[in-house]
């Protein structure tokens, strides 16, 4: 198993009721699989499914990226500006 830290930002904190959490994940799990697990655990995340931005160890990561051991995973809501 792989122990990781997940950080939630902005309104994602409201949707989960968490600033961060530690999870044990299977080795070789991808970002997309983690997002699916988080949506099952925190259904309000469904609101922003497909538009969340993810970073692993402070580098942006796509859904196919494999999560390394002891990673810090940051999840951000969609961002807009003008």
PDB file of N, CA and C in Angstrom:
ATOM      1  N   UNK A   1       0.836  -1.186   0.000  1.00  0.00           N
ATOM      2  CA  UNK A   1       0.000   0.000   0.000  1.00  0.00           C
ATOM      3  C   UNK A   1       0.878   1.245   0.000  1.00  0.00           C
ATOM      4  N   UNK A   2       0.279   2.323  -0.466  1.00  0.00           N
ATOM      5  CA  UNK A   2       0.975   3.579  -0.657  1.00  0.00           C
ATOM      6  C   UNK A   2       0.272   4.661   0.166  1.00  0.00           C
ATOM      7  N   UNK A   3       0.928   5.210   1.176  1.00  0.00           N
ATOM      8  CA  UNK A   3       0.350   6.270   1.999  1.00  0.00           C
ATOM      9  C   UNK A   3       0.628   7.613   1.329  1.00  0.00           C
ATOM     10  N   UNK A   4      -0.431   8.376   1.027  1.00  0.00           N
ATOM     11  CA  UNK A   4      -0.289   9.678   0.387  1.00  0.00           C
ATOM     12  C   UNK A   4      -1.063  10.723   1.185  1.00  0.00           C
ATOM     13  N   UNK A   5      -0.703  11.982   0.965  1.00  0.00           N
ATOM     14  CA  UNK A   5      -1.424  13.093   1.571  1.00  0.00           C
ATOM     15  C   UNK A   5      -2.151  13.830   0.456  1.00  0.00           C
ATOM     16  N   UNK A   6      -3.449  14.073   0.664  1.00  0.00           N
ATOM     17  CA  UNK A   6      -4.264  14.786  -0.311  1.00  0.00           C
ATOM     18  C   UNK A   6      -4.653  16.134   0.295  1.00  0.00           C
ATOM     19  N   UNK A   7      -4.392  17.209  -0.453  1.00  0.00           N
ATOM     20  CA  UNK A   7      -4.729  18.565  -0.018  1.00  0.00           C
ATOM     21  C   UNK A   7      -5.870  19.092  -0.886  1.00  0.00           C
ATOM     22  N   UNK A   8      -6.871  19.686  -0.244  1.00  0.00           N
ATOM     23  CA  UNK A   8      -7.997  20.272  -0.965  1.00  0.00           C
ATOM     24  C   UNK A   8      -7.931  21.790  -0.851  1.00  0.00           C
ATOM     25  N   UNK A   9      -8.247  22.489  -1.933  1.00  0.00           N
ATOM     26  CA  UNK A   9      -8.182  23.938  -1.952  1.00  0.00           C
ATOM     27  C   UNK A   9      -9.528  24.543  -2.309  1.00  0.00           C
ATOM     28  N   UNK A  10      -9.714  25.790  -1.839  1.00  0.00           N
ATOM     29  CA  UNK A  10     -10.885  26.624  -2.123  1.00  0.00           C
ATOM     30  C   UNK A  10     -12.186  25.883  -1.813  1.00  0.00           C
ATOM     31  N   UNK A  11     -13.151  25.908  -2.740  1.00  0.00           N
ATOM     32  CA  UNK A  11     -14.456  25.302  -2.443  1.00  0.00           C
ATOM     33  C   UNK A  11     -14.400  23.781  -2.320  1.00  0.00           C
ATOM     34  N   UNK A  12     -13.332  23.153  -2.746  1.00  0.00           N
ATOM     35  CA  UNK A  12     -13.214  21.704  -2.555  1.00  0.00           C
ATOM     36  C   UNK A  12     -13.129  21.362  -1.073  1.00  0.00           C
ATOM     37  N   UNK A  13     -12.599  22.280  -0.282  1.00  0.00           N
ATOM     38  CA  UNK A  13     -12.584  22.095   1.173  1.00  0.00           C
ATOM     39  C   UNK A  13     -14.009  22.042   1.700  1.00  0.00           C
ATOM     40  N   UNK A  14     -14.866  22.898   1.157  1.00  0.00           N
ATOM     41  CA  UNK A  14     -16.274  22.892   1.568  1.00  0.00           C
ATOM     42  C   UNK A  14     -16.971  21.605   1.135  1.00  0.00           C
ATOM     43  N   UNK A  15     -16.686  21.155  -0.065  1.00  0.00           N
ATOM     44  CA  UNK A  15     -17.332  19.945  -0.592  1.00  0.00           C
ATOM     45  C   UNK A  15     -16.937  18.695   0.189  1.00  0.00           C
ATOM     46  N   UNK A  16     -15.710  18.683   0.716  1.00  0.00           N
ATOM     47  CA  UNK A  16     -15.228  17.493   1.432  1.00  0.00           C
ATOM     48  C   UNK A  16     -15.275  17.653   2.949  1.00  0.00           C
ATOM     49  N   UNK A  17     -15.304  18.910   3.412  1.00  0.00           N
ATOM     50  CA  UNK A  17     -15.223  19.151   4.848  1.00  0.00           C
ATOM     51  C   UNK A  17     -13.820  18.901   5.387  1.00  0.00           C
ATOM     52  N   UNK A  18     -12.841  18.852   4.493  1.00  0.00           N
ATOM     53  CA  UNK A  18     -11.453  18.547   4.860  1.00  0.00           C
ATOM     54  C   UNK A  18     -10.502  19.548   4.207  1.00  0.00           C
ATOM     55  N   UNK A  19      -9.438  19.898   4.920  1.00  0.00           N
ATOM     56  CA  UNK A  19      -8.334  20.650   4.307  1.00  0.00           C
ATOM     57  C   UNK A  19      -7.356  19.663   3.677  1.00  0.00           C
ATOM     58  N   UNK A  20      -7.176  18.542   4.367  1.00  0.00           N
ATOM     59  CA  UNK A  20      -6.269  17.506   3.876  1.00  0.00           C
ATOM     60  C   UNK A  20      -6.668  16.185   4.504  1.00  0.00           C
ATOM     61  N   UNK A  21      -6.153  15.122   3.923  1.00  0.00           N
ATOM     62  CA  UNK A  21      -6.346  13.796   4.509  1.00  0.00           C
ATOM     63  C   UNK A  21      -5.226  12.893   4.042  1.00  0.00           C
ATOM     64  N   UNK A  22      -5.009  11.846   4.805  1.00  0.00           N
ATOM     65  CA  UNK A  22      -4.031  10.830   4.416  1.00  0.00           C
ATOM     66  C   UNK A  22      -4.793   9.589   4.012  1.00  0.00           C
ATOM     67  N   UNK A  23      -4.366   9.006   2.911  1.00  0.00           N
ATOM     68  CA  UNK A  23      -5.019   7.813   2.372  1.00  0.00           C
ATOM     69  C   UNK A  23      -3.992   6.741   2.083  1.00  0.00           C
ATOM     70  N   UNK A  24      -4.401   5.506   2.270  1.00  0.00           N
ATOM     71  CA  UNK A  24      -3.596   4.385   1.790  1.00  0.00           C
ATOM     72  C   UNK A  24      -4.196   3.942   0.472  1.00  0.00           C
ATOM     73  N   UNK A  25      -3.375   3.978  -0.561  1.00  0.00           N
ATOM     74  CA  UNK A  25      -3.815   3.636  -1.909  1.00  0.00           C
ATOM     75  C   UNK A  25      -3.042   2.422  -2.409  1.00  0.00           C
ATOM     76  N   UNK A  26      -3.644   1.662  -3.304  1.00  0.00           N
ATOM     77  CA  UNK A  26      -2.903   0.554  -3.905  1.00  0.00           C
ATOM     78  C   UNK A  26      -1.726   1.080  -4.729  1.00  0.00           C
ATOM     79  N   UNK A  27      -0.656   0.333  -4.763  1.00  0.00           N
ATOM     80  CA  UNK A  27       0.501   0.715  -5.579  1.00  0.00           C
ATOM     81  C   UNK A  27       0.075   0.776  -7.036  1.00  0.00           C
ATOM     82  N   UNK A  28       0.599   1.759  -7.752  1.00  0.00           N
ATOM     83  CA  UNK A  28       0.325   1.882  -9.178  1.00  0.00           C
ATOM     84  C   UNK A  28      -0.989   2.570  -9.523  1.00  0.00           C
ATOM     85  N   UNK A  29      -1.690   3.110  -8.535  1.00  0.00           N
ATOM     86  CA  UNK A  29      -2.965   3.776  -8.810  1.00  0.00           C
ATOM     87  C   UNK A  29      -2.719   5.077  -9.582  1.00  0.00           C
ATOM     88  N   UNK A  30      -3.654   5.396 -10.480  1.00  0.00           N
ATOM     89  CA  UNK A  30      -3.558   6.605 -11.288  1.00  0.00           C
ATOM     90  C   UNK A  30      -4.396   7.725 -10.672  1.00  0.00           C
ATOM     91  N   UNK A  31      -4.074   8.948 -11.059  1.00  0.00           N
ATOM     92  CA  UNK A  31      -4.804  10.117 -10.571  1.00  0.00           C
ATOM     93  C   UNK A  31      -6.301   9.974 -10.834  1.00  0.00           C
ATOM     94  N   UNK A  32      -6.677   9.533 -12.015  1.00  0.00           N
ATOM     95  CA  UNK A  32      -8.093   9.373 -12.351  1.00  0.00           C
ATOM     96  C   UNK A  32      -8.802   8.417 -11.409  1.00  0.00           C
ATOM     97  N   UNK A  33      -8.110   7.338 -11.007  1.00  0.00           N
ATOM     98  CA  UNK A  33      -8.692   6.377 -10.068  1.00  0.00           C
ATOM     99  C   UNK A  33      -8.865   7.010  -8.690  1.00  0.00           C
ATOM    100  N   UNK A  34      -7.911   7.837  -8.281  1.00  0.00           N
ATOM    101  CA  UNK A  34      -8.028   8.533  -7.006  1.00  0.00           C
ATOM    102  C   UNK A  34      -9.224   9.485  -7.040  1.00  0.00           C
ATOM    103  N   UNK A  35      -9.382  10.215  -8.133  1.00  0.00           N
ATOM    104  CA  UNK A  35     -10.512  11.148  -8.251  1.00  0.00           C
ATOM    105  C   UNK A  35     -11.828  10.383  -8.133  1.00  0.00           C
ATOM    106  N   UNK A  36     -11.933   9.242  -8.782  1.00  0.00           N
ATOM    107  CA  UNK A  36     -13.150   8.426  -8.687  1.00  0.00           C
ATOM    108  C   UNK A  36     -13.414   8.005  -7.239  1.00  0.00           C
ATOM    109  N   UNK A  37     -12.365   7.600  -6.539  1.00  0.00           N
ATOM    110  CA  UNK A  37     -12.519   7.210  -5.133  1.00  0.00           C
ATOM    111  C   UNK A  37     -12.984   8.390  -4.292  1.00  0.00           C
ATOM    112  N   UNK A  38     -12.389   9.553  -4.526  1.00  0.00           N
ATOM    113  CA  UNK A  38     -12.772  10.737  -3.754  1.00  0.00           C
ATOM    114  C   UNK A  38     -14.221  11.139  -4.025  1.00  0.00           C
ATOM    115  N   UNK A  39     -14.673  11.006  -5.271  1.00  0.00           N
ATOM    116  CA  UNK A  39     -16.063  11.329  -5.588  1.00  0.00           C
ATOM    117  C   UNK A  39     -17.011  10.355  -4.893  1.00  0.00           C
ATOM    118  N   UNK A  40     -16.630   9.091  -4.804  1.00  0.00           N
ATOM    119  CA  UNK A  40     -17.459   8.123  -4.072  1.00  0.00           C
ATOM    120  C   UNK A  40     -17.520   8.468  -2.590  1.00  0.00           C
ATOM    121  N   UNK A  41     -16.374   8.880  -2.028  1.00  0.00           N
ATOM    122  CA  UNK A  41     -16.317   9.224  -0.603  1.00  0.00           C
ATOM    123  C   UNK A  41     -16.942  10.581  -0.299  1.00  0.00           C
ATOM    124  N   UNK A  42     -16.845  11.504  -1.254  1.00  0.00           N
ATOM    125  CA  UNK A  42     -17.352  12.871  -1.084  1.00  0.00           C
ATOM    126  C   UNK A  42     -18.172  13.237  -2.326  1.00  0.00           C
ATOM    127  N   UNK A  43     -19.426  12.809  -2.376  1.00  0.00           N
ATOM    128  CA  UNK A  43     -20.252  12.963  -3.584  1.00  0.00           C
ATOM    129  C   UNK A  43     -20.390  14.396  -4.105  1.00  0.00           C
ATOM    130  N   UNK A  44     -20.241  15.389  -3.248  1.00  0.00           N
ATOM    131  CA  UNK A  44     -20.353  16.778  -3.727  1.00  0.00           C
ATOM    132  C   UNK A  44     -19.253  17.131  -4.729  1.00  0.00           C
ATOM    133  N   UNK A  45     -18.170  16.375  -4.749  1.00  0.00           N
ATOM    134  CA  UNK A  45     -17.113  16.626  -5.734  1.00  0.00           C
ATOM    135  C   UNK A  45     -17.592  16.378  -7.159  1.00  0.00           C
ATOM    136  N   UNK A  46     -18.682  15.664  -7.296  1.00  0.00           N
ATOM    137  CA  UNK A  46     -19.255  15.406  -8.625  1.00  0.00           C
ATOM    138  C   UNK A  46     -19.526  16.726  -9.360  1.00  0.00           C
ATOM    139  N   UNK A  47     -19.823  17.775  -8.594  1.00  0.00           N
ATOM    140  CA  UNK A  47     -20.115  19.100  -9.165  1.00  0.00           C
ATOM    141  C   UNK A  47     -18.976  19.579 -10.069  1.00  0.00           C
ATOM    142  N   UNK A  48     -17.749  19.277  -9.694  1.00  0.00           N
ATOM    143  CA  UNK A  48     -16.594  19.760 -10.455  1.00  0.00           C
ATOM    144  C   UNK A  48     -15.824  18.628 -11.143  1.00  0.00           C
ATOM    145  N   UNK A  49     -16.468  17.467 -11.268  1.00  0.00           N
ATOM    146  CA  UNK A  49     -15.826  16.344 -11.976  1.00  0.00           C
ATOM    147  C   UNK A  49     -15.391  16.815 -13.366  1.00  0.00           C
ATOM    148  N   UNK A  50     -14.220  16.431 -13.757  1.00  0.00           N
ATOM    149  CA  UNK A  50     -13.728  16.778 -15.086  1.00  0.00           C
ATOM    150  C   UNK A  50     -13.058  18.135 -15.172  1.00  0.00           C
ATOM    151  N   UNK A  51     -13.191  18.943 -14.126  1.00  0.00           N
ATOM    152  CA  UNK A  51     -12.547  20.253 -14.193  1.00  0.00           C
ATOM    153  C   UNK A  51     -11.596  20.499 -13.029  1.00  0.00           C
ATOM    154  N   UNK A  52     -11.430  19.494 -12.160  1.00  0.00           N
ATOM    155  CA  UNK A  52     -10.473  19.635 -11.067  1.00  0.00           C
ATOM    156  C   UNK A  52      -9.053  19.587 -11.628  1.00  0.00           C
ATOM    157  N   UNK A  53      -8.182  20.355 -11.031  1.00  0.00           N
ATOM    158  CA  UNK A  53      -6.774  20.374 -11.419  1.00  0.00           C
ATOM    159  C   UNK A  53      -5.999  19.637 -10.331  1.00  0.00           C
ATOM    160  N   UNK A  54      -5.105  18.764 -10.741  1.00  0.00           N
ATOM    161  CA  UNK A  54      -4.367  17.945  -9.797  1.00  0.00           C
ATOM    162  C   UNK A  54      -2.870  18.151  -9.963  1.00  0.00           C
ATOM    163  N   UNK A  55      -2.171  18.190  -8.832  1.00  0.00           N
ATOM    164  CA  UNK A  55      -0.709  18.267  -8.847  1.00  0.00           C
ATOM    165  C   UNK A  55      -0.166  17.183  -7.911  1.00  0.00           C
ATOM    166  N   UNK A  56       0.901  16.555  -8.336  1.00  0.00           N
ATOM    167  CA  UNK A  56       1.605  15.572  -7.510  1.00  0.00           C
ATOM    168  C   UNK A  56       2.972  16.153  -7.189  1.00  0.00           C
ATOM    169  N   UNK A  57       3.243  16.276  -5.903  1.00  0.00           N
ATOM    170  CA  UNK A  57       4.518  16.834  -5.461  1.00  0.00           C
ATOM    171  C   UNK A  57       4.829  18.151  -6.174  1.00  0.00           C
ATOM    172  N   UNK A  58       3.799  19.009  -6.251  1.00  0.00           N
ATOM    173  CA  UNK A  58       3.880  20.371  -6.787  1.00  0.00           C
ATOM    174  C   UNK A  58       4.097  20.458  -8.291  1.00  0.00           C
ATOM    175  N   UNK A  59       3.787  19.370  -9.015  1.00  0.00           N
ATOM    176  CA  UNK A  59       3.842  19.392 -10.482  1.00  0.00           C
ATOM    177  C   UNK A  59       2.493  18.926 -10.999  1.00  0.00           C
ATOM    178  N   UNK A  60       1.951  19.677 -11.964  1.00  0.00           N
ATOM    179  CA  UNK A  60       0.652  19.306 -12.513  1.00  0.00           C
ATOM    180  C   UNK A  60       0.676  17.879 -13.026  1.00  0.00           C
ATOM    181  N   UNK A  61      -0.451  17.176 -12.824  1.00  0.00           N
ATOM    182  CA  UNK A  61      -0.533  15.767 -13.214  1.00  0.00           C
ATOM    183  C   UNK A  61      -1.879  15.493 -13.872  1.00  0.00           C
ATOM    184  N   UNK A  62      -1.850  14.753 -14.969  1.00  0.00           N
ATOM    185  CA  UNK A  62      -3.068  14.344 -15.658  1.00  0.00           C
ATOM    186  C   UNK A  62      -3.644  13.081 -15.054  1.00  0.00           C
ATOM    187  N   UNK A  63      -4.818  12.697 -15.518  1.00  0.00           N
ATOM    188  CA  UNK A  63      -5.531  11.543 -14.961  1.00  0.00           C
ATOM    189  C   UNK A  63      -4.792  10.219 -15.138  1.00  0.00           C
ATOM    190  N   UNK A  64      -3.918  10.126 -16.118  1.00  0.00           N
ATOM    191  CA  UNK A  64      -3.209   8.875 -16.373  1.00  0.00           C
ATOM    192  C   UNK A  64      -1.895   8.756 -15.587  1.00  0.00           C
ATOM    193  N   UNK A  65      -1.530   9.819 -14.886  1.00  0.00           N
ATOM    194  CA  UNK A  65      -0.287   9.828 -14.104  1.00  0.00           C
ATOM    195  C   UNK A  65      -0.393   8.839 -12.937  1.00  0.00           C
ATOM    196  N   UNK A  66       0.637   8.028 -12.772  1.00  0.00           N
ATOM    197  CA  UNK A  66       0.682   7.089 -11.649  1.00  0.00           C
ATOM    198  C   UNK A  66       1.177   7.838 -10.415  1.00  0.00           C
ATOM    199  N   UNK A  67       0.503   7.612  -9.297  1.00  0.00           N
ATOM    200  CA  UNK A  67       0.839   8.302  -8.050  1.00  0.00           C
ATOM    201  C   UNK A  67       1.986   7.573  -7.359  1.00  0.00           C
ATOM    202  N   UNK A  68       3.112   8.247  -7.155  1.00  0.00           N
ATOM    203  CA  UNK A  68       4.250   7.601  -6.491  1.00  0.00           C
ATOM    204  C   UNK A  68       4.031   7.451  -4.982  1.00  0.00           C
ATOM    205  N   UNK A  69       4.849   6.648  -4.359  1.00  0.00           N
ATOM    206  CA  UNK A  69       4.769   6.450  -2.914  1.00  0.00           C
ATOM    207  C   UNK A  69       4.999   7.759  -2.178  1.00  0.00           C
ATOM    208  N   UNK A  70       4.278   7.924  -1.083  1.00  0.00           N
ATOM    209  CA  UNK A  70       4.419   9.065  -0.174  1.00  0.00           C
ATOM    210  C   UNK A  70       4.232  10.409  -0.868  1.00  0.00           C
ATOM    211  N   UNK A  71       3.401  10.436  -1.892  1.00  0.00           N
ATOM    212  CA  UNK A  71       3.181  11.659  -2.654  1.00  0.00           C
ATOM    213  C   UNK A  71       2.295  12.644  -1.889  1.00  0.00           C
ATOM    214  N   UNK A  72       2.467  13.909  -2.209  1.00  0.00           N
ATOM    215  CA  UNK A  72       1.554  14.950  -1.761  1.00  0.00           C
ATOM    216  C   UNK A  72       0.740  15.340  -2.996  1.00  0.00           C
ATOM    217  N   UNK A  73      -0.562  15.169  -2.890  1.00  0.00           N
ATOM    218  CA  UNK A  73      -1.456  15.409  -4.019  1.00  0.00           C
ATOM    219  C   UNK A  73      -2.327  16.612  -3.688  1.00  0.00           C
ATOM    220  N   UNK A  74      -2.242  17.633  -4.510  1.00  0.00           N
ATOM    221  CA  UNK A  74      -3.061  18.834  -4.340  1.00  0.00           C
ATOM    222  C   UNK A  74      -4.163  18.821  -5.380  1.00  0.00           C
ATOM    223  N   UNK A  75      -5.385  19.133  -4.940  1.00  0.00           N
ATOM    224  CA  UNK A  75      -6.523  19.166  -5.857  1.00  0.00           C
ATOM    225  C   UNK A  75      -7.155  20.542  -5.764  1.00  0.00           C
ATOM    226  N   UNK A  76      -7.262  21.183  -6.939  1.00  0.00           N
ATOM    227  CA  UNK A  76      -7.771  22.547  -7.047  1.00  0.00           C
ATOM    228  C   UNK A  76      -9.074  22.542  -7.827  1.00  0.00           C
ATOM    229  N   UNK A  77      -9.955  23.496  -7.543  1.00  0.00           N
ATOM    230  CA  UNK A  77     -11.175  23.633  -8.350  1.00  0.00           C
ATOM    231  C   UNK A  77     -10.853  24.315  -9.662  1.00  0.00           C
ATOM    232  N   UNK A  78     -11.828  24.356 -10.553  1.00  0.00           N
ATOM    233  CA  UNK A  78     -11.607  25.110 -11.806  1.00  0.00           C
ATOM    234  C   UNK A  78     -11.280  26.569 -11.482  1.00  0.00           C
ATOM    235  N   UNK A  79     -10.432  27.149 -12.298  1.00  0.00           N
ATOM    236  CA  UNK A  79      -9.991  28.516 -12.081  1.00  0.00           C
ATOM    237  C   UNK A  79     -10.410  29.358 -13.283  1.00  0.00           C
ATOM    238  N   UNK A  80     -10.915  30.544 -13.011  1.00  0.00           N
ATOM    239  CA  UNK A  80     -11.222  31.460 -14.113  1.00  0.00           C
ATOM    240  C   UNK A  80     -10.706  32.835 -13.735  1.00  0.00           C
ATOM    241  N   UNK A  81     -10.572  33.644 -14.715  1.00  0.00           N
ATOM    242  CA  UNK A  81     -10.085  34.993 -14.467  1.00  0.00           C
ATOM    243  C   UNK A  81     -10.514  35.907 -15.589  1.00  0.00           C
ATOM    244  N   UNK A  82     -10.145  37.108 -15.461  1.00  0.00           N
ATOM    245  CA  UNK A  82     -10.567  38.000 -16.530  1.00  0.00           C
ATOM    246  C   UNK A  82      -9.827  39.287 -16.511  1.00  0.00           C
TER     247      UNK A  82
END
